[in-house]
PDB file of N, CA and C in Angstrom:
ATOM      1  N   MET A   1       1.099  -0.994   0.262  1.00  0.00           N
ATOM      2  CA  MET A   1       0.004  -0.291  -0.269  1.00  0.00           C
ATOM      3  C   MET A   1       0.863   1.032   0.116  1.00  0.00           C
ATOM      4  N   ASN A   2       0.924   2.025  -1.193  1.00  0.00           N
ATOM      5  CA  ASN A   2       1.195   3.329  -1.242  1.00  0.00           C
ATOM      6  C   ASN A   2       0.810   4.334  -0.300  1.00  0.00           C
ATOM      7  N   ILE A   3       1.769   5.607   0.038  1.00  0.00           N
ATOM      8  CA  ILE A   3       1.316   6.553   0.950  1.00  0.00           C
ATOM      9  C   ILE A   3      -0.079   7.286   0.555  1.00  0.00           C
ATOM     10  N   THR A   4      -0.311   7.019  -0.503  1.00  0.00           N
ATOM     11  CA  THR A   4      -1.597   7.852  -1.047  1.00  0.00           C
ATOM     12  C   THR A   4      -2.766   7.168  -0.738  1.00  0.00           C
ATOM     13  N   GLN A   5      -2.427   5.568  -1.029  1.00  0.00           N
ATOM     14  CA  GLN A   5      -3.397   4.789  -0.617  1.00  0.00           C
ATOM     15  C   GLN A   5      -3.775   4.701   1.378  1.00  0.00           C
ATOM     16  N   ARG A   6      -2.504   4.714   1.862  1.00  0.00           N
ATOM     17  CA  ARG A   6      -2.865   4.744   3.374  1.00  0.00           C
ATOM     18  C   ARG A   6      -3.120   6.111   4.041  1.00  0.00           C
ATOM     19  N   PHE A   7      -2.734   7.311   3.152  1.00  0.00           N
ATOM     20  CA  PHE A   7      -3.525   8.491   3.491  1.00  0.00           C
ATOM     21  C   PHE A   7      -5.074   8.452   3.036  1.00  0.00           C
ATOM     22  N   ALA A   8      -5.541   7.974   2.321  1.00  0.00           N
ATOM     23  CA  ALA A   8      -6.844   7.706   1.680  1.00  0.00           C
ATOM     24  C   ALA A   8      -7.895   6.936   2.820  1.00  0.00           C
ATOM     25  N   ARG A   9      -7.047   6.241   3.136  1.00  0.00           N
ATOM     26  CA  ARG A   9      -7.751   5.068   4.520  1.00  0.00           C
ATOM     27  C   ARG A   9      -7.820   5.767   5.688  1.00  0.00           C
ATOM     28  N   LYS A  10      -6.933   6.697   6.072  1.00  0.00           N
ATOM     29  CA  LYS A  10      -7.159   7.385   7.320  1.00  0.00           C
ATOM     30  C   LYS A  10      -7.991   8.524   7.092  1.00  0.00           C
ATOM     31  N   LEU A  11      -8.085   9.060   5.486  1.00  0.00           N
ATOM     32  CA  LEU A  11      -9.185  10.041   5.662  1.00  0.00           C
ATOM     33  C   LEU A  11     -10.656   9.048   5.769  1.00  0.00           C
ATOM     34  N   LYS A  12     -11.361   8.192   5.185  1.00  0.00           N
ATOM     35  CA  LYS A  12     -12.702   7.511   5.400  1.00  0.00           C
ATOM     36  C   LYS A  12     -12.774   7.354   7.166  1.00  0.00           C
ATOM     37  N   THR A  13     -11.604   6.594   7.471  1.00  0.00           N
ATOM     38  CA  THR A  13     -11.708   6.205   8.783  1.00  0.00           C
ATOM     39  C   THR A  13     -11.797   7.292   9.807  1.00  0.00           C
ATOM     40  N   ILE A  14     -10.887   8.610   9.685  1.00  0.00           N
ATOM     41  CA  ILE A  14     -11.292   9.835  10.869  1.00  0.00           C
ATOM     42  C   ILE A  14     -12.810  10.599  10.447  1.00  0.00           C
ATOM     43  N   ARG A  15     -13.225  10.456   8.822  1.00  0.00           N
ATOM     44  CA  ARG A  15     -13.968  10.845   8.979  1.00  0.00           C
ATOM     45  C   ARG A  15     -15.533  10.220   9.676  1.00  0.00           C
ATOM     46  N   GLU A  16     -15.238   8.674   9.380  1.00  0.00           N
ATOM     47  CA  GLU A  16     -16.264   8.211   9.739  1.00  0.00           C
ATOM     48  C   GLU A  16     -16.376   7.722  12.010  1.00  0.00           C
ATOM     49  N   ILE A  17     -15.037   8.200  12.119  1.00  0.00           N
ATOM     50  CA  ILE A  17     -15.416   8.073  13.785  1.00  0.00           C
ATOM     51  C   ILE A  17     -15.626   9.472  14.096  1.00  0.00           C
ATOM     52  N   ASN A  18     -15.667  10.516  13.103  1.00  0.00           N
ATOM     53  CA  ASN A  18     -16.412  11.742  13.464  1.00  0.00           C
ATOM     54  C   ASN A  18     -17.573  11.524  13.375  1.00  0.00           C
ATOM     55  N   ASN A  19     -18.501  10.838  12.326  1.00  0.00           N
ATOM     56  CA  ASN A  19     -19.786  10.745  12.151  1.00  0.00           C
ATOM     57  C   ASN A  19     -19.763  11.535  11.095  1.00  0.00           C
ATOM     58  N   TYR A  20     -18.990  12.431  10.513  1.00  0.00           N
ATOM     59  CA  TYR A  20     -19.245  12.980   9.115  1.00  0.00           C
ATOM     60  C   TYR A  20     -19.562  12.440   7.964  1.00  0.00           C
ATOM     61  N   THR A  21     -20.222  13.007   6.829  1.00  0.00           N
ATOM     62  CA  THR A  21     -20.741  12.882   5.789  1.00  0.00           C
ATOM     63  C   THR A  21     -19.548  12.937   4.865  1.00  0.00           C
ATOM     64  N   GLN A  22     -19.075  12.394   3.800  1.00  0.00           N
ATOM     65  CA  GLN A  22     -18.584  12.742   2.749  1.00  0.00           C
ATOM     66  C   GLN A  22     -19.019  14.029   1.950  1.00  0.00           C
ATOM     67  N   GLU A  23     -20.266  14.356   1.742  1.00  0.00           N
ATOM     68  CA  GLU A  23     -21.134  15.728   1.619  1.00  0.00           C
ATOM     69  C   GLU A  23     -20.515  16.757   2.472  1.00  0.00           C
ATOM     70  N   TYR A  24     -20.160  16.551   3.587  1.00  0.00           N
ATOM     71  CA  TYR A  24     -19.951  17.567   4.675  1.00  0.00           C
ATOM     72  C   TYR A  24     -18.770  18.224   4.582  1.00  0.00           C
ATOM     73  N   VAL A  25     -17.651  16.904   4.828  1.00  0.00           N
ATOM     74  CA  VAL A  25     -16.323  16.755   4.713  1.00  0.00           C
ATOM     75  C   VAL A  25     -16.014  17.822   3.330  1.00  0.00           C
ATOM     76  N   ALA A  26     -16.645  17.774   1.952  1.00  0.00           N
ATOM     77  CA  ALA A  26     -16.375  17.726   0.706  1.00  0.00           C
ATOM     78  C   ALA A  26     -16.507  19.537   0.426  1.00  0.00           C
ATOM     79  N   GLY A  27     -17.719  19.955   1.350  1.00  0.00           N
ATOM     80  CA  GLY A  27     -18.046  21.057   1.648  1.00  0.00           C
ATOM     81  C   GLY A  27     -17.419  21.997   2.122  1.00  0.00           C
ATOM     82  N   ILE A  28     -16.660  21.608   3.372  1.00  0.00           N
ATOM     83  CA  ILE A  28     -15.676  22.156   3.830  1.00  0.00           C
ATOM     84  C   ILE A  28     -14.504  22.364   3.277  1.00  0.00           C
ATOM     85  N   LEU A  29     -14.373  21.328   2.085  1.00  0.00           N
ATOM     86  CA  LEU A  29     -13.174  21.429   1.284  1.00  0.00           C
ATOM     87  C   LEU A  29     -13.268  22.426   0.052  1.00  0.00           C
ATOM     88  N   ASP A  30     -14.905  22.487   0.167  1.00  0.00           N
ATOM     89  CA  ASP A  30     -15.202  23.264  -1.146  1.00  0.00           C
ATOM     90  C   ASP A  30     -14.926  22.685  -2.131  1.00  0.00           C
ATOM     91  N   ILE A  31     -15.453  21.030  -2.616  1.00  0.00           N
ATOM     92  CA  ILE A  31     -15.150  20.545  -3.591  1.00  0.00           C
ATOM     93  C   ILE A  31     -16.238  19.634  -3.675  1.00  0.00           C
ATOM     94  N   SER A  32     -16.798  18.798  -4.824  1.00  0.00           N
ATOM     95  CA  SER A  32     -17.724  18.044  -4.862  1.00  0.00           C
ATOM     96  C   SER A  32     -17.690  16.635  -3.680  1.00  0.00           C
ATOM     97  N   GLN A  33     -18.738  16.107  -3.715  1.00  0.00           N
ATOM     98  CA  GLN A  33     -18.781  14.856  -2.703  1.00  0.00           C
ATOM     99  C   GLN A  33     -18.244  13.788  -3.752  1.00  0.00           C
ATOM    100  N   ASN A  34     -18.247  13.564  -4.955  1.00  0.00           N
ATOM    101  CA  ASN A  34     -17.540  13.310  -5.681  1.00  0.00           C
ATOM    102  C   ASN A  34     -16.016  12.998  -5.593  1.00  0.00           C
ATOM    103  N   ALA A  35     -15.784  14.409  -5.927  1.00  0.00           N
ATOM    104  CA  ALA A  35     -14.203  14.822  -5.415  1.00  0.00           C
ATOM    105  C   ALA A  35     -13.304  13.895  -4.536  1.00  0.00           C
ATOM    106  N   TYR A  36     -14.539  14.280  -3.054  1.00  0.00           N
ATOM    107  CA  TYR A  36     -14.092  13.920  -2.127  1.00  0.00           C
ATOM    108  C   TYR A  36     -13.976  12.516  -2.134  1.00  0.00           C
ATOM    109  N   SER A  37     -14.916  11.682  -2.631  1.00  0.00           N
ATOM    110  CA  SER A  37     -14.854  10.324  -2.714  1.00  0.00           C
ATOM    111  C   SER A  37     -13.825   9.805  -3.134  1.00  0.00           C
ATOM    112  N   LEU A  38     -13.490  10.560  -4.220  1.00  0.00           N
ATOM    113  CA  LEU A  38     -11.861  10.362  -5.211  1.00  0.00           C
ATOM    114  C   LEU A  38     -10.969  10.320  -3.901  1.00  0.00           C
ATOM    115  N   LEU A  39     -10.661  11.440  -2.846  1.00  0.00           N
ATOM    116  CA  LEU A  39      -9.145  11.500  -2.500  1.00  0.00           C
ATOM    117  C   LEU A  39      -9.327  10.388  -1.518  1.00  0.00           C
ATOM    118  N   GLU A  40     -10.933   9.684  -0.803  1.00  0.00           N
ATOM    119  CA  GLU A  40     -11.058   8.196   0.317  1.00  0.00           C
ATOM    120  C   GLU A  40     -10.451   7.286  -0.744  1.00  0.00           C
ATOM    121  N   LYS A  41     -10.252   7.039  -1.990  1.00  0.00           N
ATOM    122  CA  LYS A  41      -9.834   6.209  -2.674  1.00  0.00           C
ATOM    123  C   LYS A  41      -9.004   5.850  -2.704  1.00  0.00           C
ATOM    124  N   GLY A  42      -7.971   7.397  -2.684  1.00  0.00           N
ATOM    125  CA  GLY A  42      -6.495   7.058  -3.156  1.00  0.00           C
ATOM    126  C   GLY A  42      -6.718   7.602  -4.937  1.00  0.00           C
ATOM    127  N   THR A  43      -7.635   7.858  -5.559  1.00  0.00           N
ATOM    128  CA  THR A  43      -7.334   8.052  -6.724  1.00  0.00           C
ATOM    129  C   THR A  43      -6.982   8.981  -7.183  1.00  0.00           C
ATOM    130  N   THR A  44      -7.267  10.500  -6.688  1.00  0.00           N
ATOM    131  CA  THR A  44      -7.019  11.874  -6.474  1.00  0.00           C
ATOM    132  C   THR A  44      -6.025  11.957  -5.131  1.00  0.00           C
ATOM    133  N   LYS A  45      -5.159  12.835  -5.569  1.00  0.00           N
ATOM    134  CA  LYS A  45      -4.082  13.396  -4.469  1.00  0.00           C
ATOM    135  C   LYS A  45      -4.477  14.459  -4.000  1.00  0.00           C
ATOM    136  N   VAL A  46      -4.539  14.452  -2.311  1.00  0.00           N
ATOM    137  CA  VAL A  46      -4.621  15.819  -1.669  1.00  0.00           C
ATOM    138  C   VAL A  46      -3.899  16.860  -1.593  1.00  0.00           C
ATOM    139  N   THR A  47      -4.434  18.180  -1.821  1.00  0.00           N
ATOM    140  CA  THR A  47      -3.107  19.627  -1.535  1.00  0.00           C
ATOM    141  C   THR A  47      -2.557  19.691  -0.209  1.00  0.00           C
ATOM    142  N   LEU A  48      -1.816  20.330  -0.094  1.00  0.00           N
ATOM    143  CA  LEU A  48      -1.139  20.858   1.272  1.00  0.00           C
ATOM    144  C   LEU A  48      -2.510  21.817   1.742  1.00  0.00           C
ATOM    145  N   ASP A  49      -2.789  22.651   0.966  1.00  0.00           N
ATOM    146  CA  ASP A  49      -3.943  23.495   1.176  1.00  0.00           C
ATOM    147  C   ASP A  49      -4.781  22.670   2.155  1.00  0.00           C
ATOM    148  N   ARG A  50      -5.432  21.557   1.338  1.00  0.00           N
ATOM    149  CA  ARG A  50      -6.868  20.958   1.839  1.00  0.00           C
ATOM    150  C   ARG A  50      -6.304  19.918   2.907  1.00  0.00           C
ATOM    151  N   ILE A  51      -4.880  19.421   3.314  1.00  0.00           N
ATOM    152  CA  ILE A  51      -4.126  18.826   4.531  1.00  0.00           C
ATOM    153  C   ILE A  51      -5.043  19.872   5.606  1.00  0.00           C
ATOM    154  N   GLU A  52      -4.280  21.277   5.305  1.00  0.00           N
ATOM    155  CA  GLU A  52      -4.486  21.642   6.462  1.00  0.00           C
ATOM    156  C   GLU A  52      -5.876  22.221   6.705  1.00  0.00           C
ATOM    157  N   ILE A  53      -6.623  22.262   5.920  1.00  0.00           N
ATOM    158  CA  ILE A  53      -7.947  22.201   6.317  1.00  0.00           C
ATOM    159  C   ILE A  53      -8.942  20.606   6.811  1.00  0.00           C
ATOM    160  N   LEU A  54      -8.510  19.898   6.794  1.00  0.00           N
ATOM    161  CA  LEU A  54      -8.743  18.809   7.603  1.00  0.00           C
ATOM    162  C   LEU A  54      -8.058  18.863   8.559  1.00  0.00           C
ATOM    163  N   ALA A  55      -7.154  19.038   8.749  1.00  0.00           N
ATOM    164  CA  ALA A  55      -6.037  19.263  10.236  1.00  0.00           C
ATOM    165  C   ALA A  55      -6.713  19.944  10.936  1.00  0.00           C
ATOM    166  N   GLU A  56      -7.502  20.973  10.672  1.00  0.00           N
ATOM    167  CA  GLU A  56      -8.446  22.119  11.536  1.00  0.00           C
ATOM    168  C   GLU A  56      -9.682  20.965  11.813  1.00  0.00           C
ATOM    169  N   LEU A  57     -10.520  20.654  10.975  1.00  0.00           N
ATOM    170  CA  LEU A  57     -11.629  20.069  11.099  1.00  0.00           C
ATOM    171  C   LEU A  57     -11.533  19.525  12.051  1.00  0.00           C
ATOM    172  N   TYR A  58     -10.413  18.201  11.715  1.00  0.00           N
ATOM    173  CA  TYR A  58     -10.650  17.363  12.743  1.00  0.00           C
ATOM    174  C   TYR A  58      -9.725  17.811  14.171  1.00  0.00           C
ATOM    175  N   LYS A  59      -8.983  18.709  14.914  1.00  0.00           N
ATOM    176  CA  LYS A  59      -8.638  19.608  15.385  1.00  0.00           C
ATOM    177  C   LYS A  59      -7.243  18.784  15.711  1.00  0.00           C
ATOM    178  N   THR A  60      -6.190  18.837  14.807  1.00  0.00           N
ATOM    179  CA  THR A  60      -4.995  17.827  14.781  1.00  0.00           C
ATOM    180  C   THR A  60      -3.993  18.837  13.748  1.00  0.00           C
ATOM    181  N   THR A  61      -3.147  18.199  13.515  1.00  0.00           N
ATOM    182  CA  THR A  61      -1.846  19.084  13.395  1.00  0.00           C
ATOM    183  C   THR A  61      -1.547  18.033  11.450  1.00  0.00           C
ATOM    184  N   PRO A  62      -1.392  19.096  10.776  1.00  0.00           N
ATOM    185  CA  PRO A  62      -1.086  18.263   9.550  1.00  0.00           C
ATOM    186  C   PRO A  62      -0.252  17.377   9.625  1.00  0.00           C
ATOM    187  N   SER A  63       1.175  17.595  10.364  1.00  0.00           N
ATOM    188  CA  SER A  63       1.922  16.194  10.414  1.00  0.00           C
ATOM    189  C   SER A  63       1.099  15.217  11.046  1.00  0.00           C
ATOM    190  N   ASP A  64       0.496  15.270  11.862  1.00  0.00           N
ATOM    191  CA  ASP A  64      -0.339  14.006  12.924  1.00  0.00           C
ATOM    192  C   ASP A  64      -1.365  13.626  11.482  1.00  0.00           C
ATOM    193  N   LEU A  65      -2.040  14.145  10.501  1.00  0.00           N
ATOM    194  CA  LEU A  65      -2.839  13.398   9.764  1.00  0.00           C
ATOM    195  C   LEU A  65      -2.141  12.616   8.822  1.00  0.00           C
ATOM    196  N   VAL A  66      -0.856  12.898   8.346  1.00  0.00           N
ATOM    197  CA  VAL A  66      -0.382  12.376   7.483  1.00  0.00           C
ATOM    198  C   VAL A  66       0.742  11.447   8.013  1.00  0.00           C
ATOM    199  N   SER A  67       1.076  11.538   9.205  1.00  0.00           N
ATOM    200  CA  SER A  67       1.757  10.834   9.614  1.00  0.00           C
ATOM    201  C   SER A  67       1.416   8.878   9.517  1.00  0.00           C
ATOM    202  N   ASP A  68       1.892   8.216   9.554  1.00  0.00           N
ATOM    203  CA  ASP A  68       2.228   6.793   9.463  1.00  0.00           C
ATOM    204  C   ASP A  68       2.595   6.198  10.766  1.00  0.00           C
ATOM    205  N   ASN A  69       2.489   7.010  12.016  1.00  0.00           N
ATOM    206  CA  ASN A  69       2.658   6.158  12.874  1.00  0.00           C
ATOM    207  C   ASN A  69       2.192   5.055  13.528  1.00  0.00           C
ATOM    208  N   ILE A  70       2.325   3.744  13.476  1.00  0.00           N
ATOM    209  CA  ILE A  70       1.310   2.543  13.877  1.00  0.00           C
ATOM    210  C   ILE A  70       1.890   2.251  15.901  1.00  0.00           C
ATOM    211  N   LEU A  71       1.033   1.920  16.514  1.00  0.00           N
ATOM    212  CA  LEU A  71       0.936   1.608  17.705  1.00  0.00           C
ATOM    213  C   LEU A  71       1.006   0.115  17.844  1.00  0.00           C
ATOM    214  N   PRO A  72       2.480  -0.228  18.692  1.00  0.00           N
ATOM    215  CA  PRO A  72       2.402  -1.893  19.006  1.00  0.00           C
ATOM    216  C   PRO A  72       0.860  -2.407  19.350  1.00  0.00           C
ATOM    217  N   ASN A  73       0.704  -4.005  19.104  1.00  0.00           N
ATOM    218  CA  ASN A  73      -0.516  -4.484  19.708  1.00  0.00           C
ATOM    219  C   ASN A  73      -1.240  -4.310  20.376  1.00  0.00           C
ATOM    220  N   SER A  74      -1.037  -3.408  21.204  1.00  0.00           N
ATOM    221  CA  SER A  74      -1.896  -2.967  22.995  1.00  0.00           C
ATOM    222  C   SER A  74      -1.775  -1.746  22.620  1.00  0.00           C
ATOM    223  N   ILE A  75      -2.990  -1.170  22.965  1.00  0.00           N
ATOM    224  CA  ILE A  75      -3.713  -0.056  23.143  1.00  0.00           C
ATOM    225  C   ILE A  75      -4.276   0.185  24.527  1.00  0.00           C
ATOM    226  N   GLU A  76      -3.820   1.115  25.495  1.00  0.00           N
ATOM    227  CA  GLU A  76      -3.551   1.364  26.987  1.00  0.00           C
ATOM    228  C   GLU A  76      -4.809   0.973  27.467  1.00  0.00           C
ATOM    229  N   SER A  77      -5.482   2.761  27.037  1.00  0.00           N
ATOM    230  CA  SER A  77      -6.729   2.808  27.720  1.00  0.00           C
ATOM    231  C   SER A  77      -8.333   2.269  27.235  1.00  0.00           C
ATOM    232  N   HIS A  78      -8.330   1.918  25.469  1.00  0.00           N
ATOM    233  CA  HIS A  78      -9.992   1.442  25.449  1.00  0.00           C
ATOM    234  C   HIS A  78      -9.103   0.063  24.807  1.00  0.00           C
ATOM    235  N   SER A  79      -9.968  -0.987  25.406  1.00  0.00           N
ATOM    236  CA  SER A  79      -9.346  -2.153  24.591  1.00  0.00           C
ATOM    237  C   SER A  79     -10.615  -2.401  23.867  1.00  0.00           C
ATOM    238  N   ASN A  80     -11.564  -1.597  23.244  1.00  0.00           N
ATOM    239  CA  ASN A  80     -12.467  -2.232  22.252  1.00  0.00           C
ATOM    240  C   ASN A  80     -11.954  -1.294  21.581  1.00  0.00           C
ATOM    241  N   ILE A  81     -11.295  -0.526  20.898  1.00  0.00           N
ATOM    242  CA  ILE A  81     -10.577   0.259  19.794  1.00  0.00           C
ATOM    243  C   ILE A  81      -9.366  -0.867  19.607  1.00  0.00           C
ATOM    244  N   PRO A  82      -9.076  -0.941  17.926  1.00  0.00           N
ATOM    245  CA  PRO A  82      -8.584  -2.238  17.381  1.00  0.00           C
ATOM    246  C   PRO A  82      -6.935  -1.820  17.554  1.00  0.00           C
ATOM    247  N   PRO A  83      -6.155  -3.061  17.356  1.00  0.00           N
ATOM    248  CA  PRO A  83      -4.638  -2.812  17.539  1.00  0.00           C
ATOM    249  C   PRO A  83      -4.036  -2.205  16.227  1.00  0.00           C
ATOM    250  N   ALA A  84      -3.006  -1.865  15.979  1.00  0.00           N
ATOM    251  CA  ALA A  84      -2.052  -1.230  15.358  1.00  0.00           C
ATOM    252  C   ALA A  84      -2.875  -0.397  14.279  1.00  0.00           C
ATOM    253  N   LEU A  85      -3.743   0.806  15.031  1.00  0.00           N
ATOM    254  CA  LEU A  85      -3.963   2.005  14.725  1.00  0.00           C
ATOM    255  C   LEU A  85      -2.915   3.109  14.961  1.00  0.00           C
ATOM    256  N   SER A  86      -2.599   3.968  14.213  1.00  0.00           N
ATOM    257  CA  SER A  86      -2.235   5.158  13.925  1.00  0.00           C
ATOM    258  C   SER A  86      -2.436   6.224  15.264  1.00  0.00           C
ATOM    259  N   THR A  87      -1.442   6.784  16.130  1.00  0.00           N
ATOM    260  CA  THR A  87      -1.765   7.434  17.192  1.00  0.00           C
ATOM    261  C   THR A  87      -3.027   8.186  16.880  1.00  0.00           C
ATOM    262  N   PHE A  88      -3.153   9.092  15.600  1.00  0.00           N
ATOM    263  CA  PHE A  88      -3.830  10.033  15.282  1.00  0.00           C
ATOM    264  C   PHE A  88      -5.218   9.032  15.296  1.00  0.00           C
ATOM    265  N   GLU A  89      -5.091   7.714  14.622  1.00  0.00           N
ATOM    266  CA  GLU A  89      -6.907   7.096  15.192  1.00  0.00           C
ATOM    267  C   GLU A  89      -7.003   7.261  16.042  1.00  0.00           C
ATOM    268  N   LYS A  90      -6.045   6.288  17.137  1.00  0.00           N
ATOM    269  CA  LYS A  90      -6.557   6.335  18.431  1.00  0.00           C
ATOM    270  C   LYS A  90      -7.314   7.399  19.156  1.00  0.00           C
ATOM    271  N   ARG A  91      -6.317   8.574  19.000  1.00  0.00           N
ATOM    272  CA  ARG A  91      -6.932   9.801  19.225  1.00  0.00           C
ATOM    273  C   ARG A  91      -8.510   9.924  19.124  1.00  0.00           C
ATOM    274  N   MET A  92      -8.554   9.841  17.828  1.00  0.00           N
ATOM    275  CA  MET A  92      -9.789  10.198  17.251  1.00  0.00           C
ATOM    276  C   MET A  92     -10.775   9.541  17.921  1.00  0.00           C
ATOM    277  N   TYR A  93     -10.346   7.916  17.585  1.00  0.00           N
ATOM    278  CA  TYR A  93     -11.539   7.099  18.721  1.00  0.00           C
ATOM    279  C   TYR A  93     -12.008   7.672  20.302  1.00  0.00           C
ATOM    280  N   GLU A  94     -10.343   7.785  20.827  1.00  0.00           N
ATOM    281  CA  GLU A  94     -10.906   8.367  22.581  1.00  0.00           C
ATOM    282  C   GLU A  94     -11.604   9.583  22.451  1.00  0.00           C
ATOM    283  N   GLN A  95     -11.425  10.515  21.512  1.00  0.00           N
ATOM    284  CA  GLN A  95     -12.505  11.571  21.325  1.00  0.00           C
ATOM    285  C   GLN A  95     -13.798  11.290  21.162  1.00  0.00           C
ATOM    286  N   THR A  96     -14.012  10.514  20.404  1.00  0.00           N
ATOM    287  CA  THR A  96     -14.953  10.033  19.921  1.00  0.00           C
ATOM    288  C   THR A  96     -16.183   9.325  21.297  1.00  0.00           C
ATOM    289  N   ILE A  97     -15.080   8.628  21.821  1.00  0.00           N
ATOM    290  CA  ILE A  97     -15.846   7.819  23.362  1.00  0.00           C
ATOM    291  C   ILE A  97     -16.133   9.070  24.278  1.00  0.00           C
ATOM    292  N   ALA A  98     -15.338   9.672  24.479  1.00  0.00           N
ATOM    293  CA  ALA A  98     -15.759  10.831  25.374  1.00  0.00           C
ATOM    294  C   ALA A  98     -16.851  11.453  25.107  1.00  0.00           C
ATOM    295  N   ARG A  99     -16.941  12.057  23.906  1.00  0.00           N
ATOM    296  CA  ARG A  99     -18.237  12.928  23.823  1.00  0.00           C
ATOM    297  C   ARG A  99     -19.583  12.074  23.690  1.00  0.00           C
ATOM    298  N   LEU A 100     -19.354  10.799  23.265  1.00  0.00           N
ATOM    299  CA  LEU A 100     -20.633  10.012  23.295  1.00  0.00           C
ATOM    300  C   LEU A 100     -20.756   9.628  24.652  1.00  0.00           C
ATOM    301  N   GLU A 101     -19.909   9.335  26.230  1.00  0.00           N
ATOM    302  CA  GLU A 101     -19.818   9.221  27.249  1.00  0.00           C
ATOM    303  C   GLU A 101     -20.872  10.509  27.998  1.00  0.00           C
ATOM    304  N   ILE A 102     -20.256  11.356  27.510  1.00  0.00           N
ATOM    305  CA  ILE A 102     -20.958  12.946  27.740  1.00  0.00           C
ATOM    306  C   ILE A 102     -22.225  12.822  27.674  1.00  0.00           C
ATOM    307  N   ASP A 103     -22.370  12.508  25.944  1.00  0.00           N
ATOM    308  CA  ASP A 103     -23.651  12.235  25.892  1.00  0.00           C
ATOM    309  C   ASP A 103     -24.801  11.444  26.558  1.00  0.00           C
ATOM    310  N   ILE A 104     -24.163  10.379  26.991  1.00  0.00           N
ATOM    311  CA  ILE A 104     -24.753   9.304  27.801  1.00  0.00           C
ATOM    312  C   ILE A 104     -25.510   9.855  29.053  1.00  0.00           C
ATOM    313  N   GLU A 105     -24.347  10.777  29.628  1.00  0.00           N
ATOM    314  CA  GLU A 105     -24.672  11.587  30.794  1.00  0.00           C
ATOM    315  C   GLU A 105     -25.879  12.397  31.033  1.00  0.00           C
ATOM    316  N   LYS A 106     -25.371  13.229  29.905  1.00  0.00           N
ATOM    317  CA  LYS A 106     -26.424  14.078  29.361  1.00  0.00           C
ATOM    318  C   LYS A 106     -28.038  13.611  29.521  1.00  0.00           C
ATOM    319  N   LEU A 107     -28.237  12.470  28.471  1.00  0.00           N
ATOM    320  CA  LEU A 107     -29.439  11.417  28.503  1.00  0.00           C
ATOM    321  C   LEU A 107     -29.728  10.975  29.672  1.00  0.00           C
ATOM    322  N   TYR A 108     -29.035  10.554  30.591  1.00  0.00           N
ATOM    323  CA  TYR A 108     -29.868   9.818  31.744  1.00  0.00           C
ATOM    324  C   TYR A 108     -30.152  10.640  32.610  1.00  0.00           C
ATOM    325  N   ASN A 109     -29.485  12.220  32.666  1.00  0.00           N
ATOM    326  CA  ASN A 109     -30.182  13.279  33.405  1.00  0.00           C
ATOM    327  C   ASN A 109     -31.499  13.664  32.981  1.00  0.00           C
ATOM    328  N   LEU A 110     -31.389  13.510  31.915  1.00  0.00           N
ATOM    329  CA  LEU A 110     -32.784  13.971  30.974  1.00  0.00           C
ATOM    330  C   LEU A 110     -34.050  13.266  31.775  1.00  0.00           C
ATOM    331  N   ILE A 111     -33.428  11.763  31.380  1.00  0.00           N
ATOM    332  CA  ILE A 111     -34.634  10.750  31.658  1.00  0.00           C
ATOM    333  C   ILE A 111     -35.107  10.777  33.103  1.00  0.00           C
ATOM    334  N   ASN A 112     -33.727  10.714  33.675  1.00  0.00           N
ATOM    335  CA  ASN A 112     -34.529  11.566  35.328  1.00  0.00           C
ATOM    336  C   ASN A 112     -35.217  12.558  35.741  1.00  0.00           C
ATOM    337  N   GLN A 113     -34.968  13.548  35.098  1.00  0.00           N
ATOM    338  CA  GLN A 113     -35.800  14.711  35.257  1.00  0.00           C
ATOM    339  C   GLN A 113     -36.940  14.394  34.578  1.00  0.00           C
ATOM    340  N   LEU A 114     -37.152  13.803  33.437  1.00  0.00           N
ATOM    341  CA  LEU A 114     -38.568  13.575  33.208  1.00  0.00           C
ATOM    342  C   LEU A 114     -39.720  12.453  33.677  1.00  0.00           C
ATOM    343  N   THR A 115     -38.628  11.495  34.301  1.00  0.00           N
ATOM    344  CA  THR A 115     -39.324  10.398  35.509  1.00  0.00           C
ATOM    345  C   THR A 115     -40.107  11.223  36.391  1.00  0.00           C
ATOM    346  N   THR A 116     -39.116  12.131  36.896  1.00  0.00           N
ATOM    347  CA  THR A 116     -39.345  12.809  38.323  1.00  0.00           C
ATOM    348  C   THR A 116     -40.565  13.537  37.830  1.00  0.00           C
ATOM    349  N   LYS A 117     -40.715  14.122  36.848  1.00  0.00           N
ATOM    350  CA  LYS A 117     -41.933  14.832  36.215  1.00  0.00           C
ATOM    351  C   LYS A 117     -43.080  14.465  36.349  1.00  0.00           C
ATOM    352  N   ILE A 118     -42.623  13.237  35.600  1.00  0.00           N
ATOM    353  CA  ILE A 118     -43.893  12.265  35.368  1.00  0.00           C
ATOM    354  C   ILE A 118     -44.515  11.689  36.395  1.00  0.00           C
ATOM    355  N   ALA A 119     -43.926  11.314  37.737  1.00  0.00           N
ATOM    356  CA  ALA A 119     -44.442  10.375  39.268  1.00  0.00           C
ATOM    357  C   ALA A 119     -44.923  11.939  39.723  1.00  0.00           C
ATOM    358  N   GLY A 120     -44.362  12.962  39.719  1.00  0.00           N
ATOM    359  CA  GLY A 120     -45.090  13.907  40.462  1.00  0.00           C
ATOM    360  C   GLY A 120     -44.692  14.272  41.554  1.00  0.00           C
ATOM    361  N   PRO A 121     -44.740  15.156  42.209  1.00  0.00           N
ATOM    362  CA  PRO A 121     -44.599  15.276  43.893  1.00  0.00           C
ATOM    363  C   PRO A 121     -44.705  13.714  44.493  1.00  0.00           C
ATOM    364  N   THR A 122     -43.944  13.571  45.396  1.00  0.00           N
ATOM    365  CA  THR A 122     -43.906  12.532  46.485  1.00  0.00           C
ATOM    366  C   THR A 122     -44.189  12.800  47.610  1.00  0.00           C
ATOM    367  N   GLY A 123     -44.977  12.589  48.409  1.00  0.00           N
ATOM    368  CA  GLY A 123     -45.039  13.011  50.024  1.00  0.00           C
ATOM    369  C   GLY A 123     -46.529  12.905  50.167  1.00  0.00           C
TER     370      GLY A 123
END
C-alpha cells in the first residue's frame, strides 16, 4: 500500500469516527462529494491546502494527519479500539468515546428529570 492509499484509508476512517458524511467534508473543502470520494479512494492526491483544512476540521496538526505512526499490538486506555491504529486514529476514537460518554450522561439526567416530572411530587 503506497502513501496515497494509506492516507486515503485514514481520511475515510477519521471521517467515519467523527460521524461526518462525505458531503459534509467535501463542503468544508469546497469540492464536490464525488471529488472527495476520489480522495478517500486514493484516486486523487490531496493538496497541502486541503490537508491543513482537514487538520483544522479534525483538531489536529497536518503532520499528525499524514503521519504513518503505528502503535504496537496493545492499546492502553480503550480495549475496544482495534490494535495497530495510528496514534491519530487512536486519539480520534478516544475523543469520540469521550463525547459519547458525555452524551450518555446528559441523556441519563434528562431521563431522570422526565421520570421525576411524570411521577409528580412524592409525599
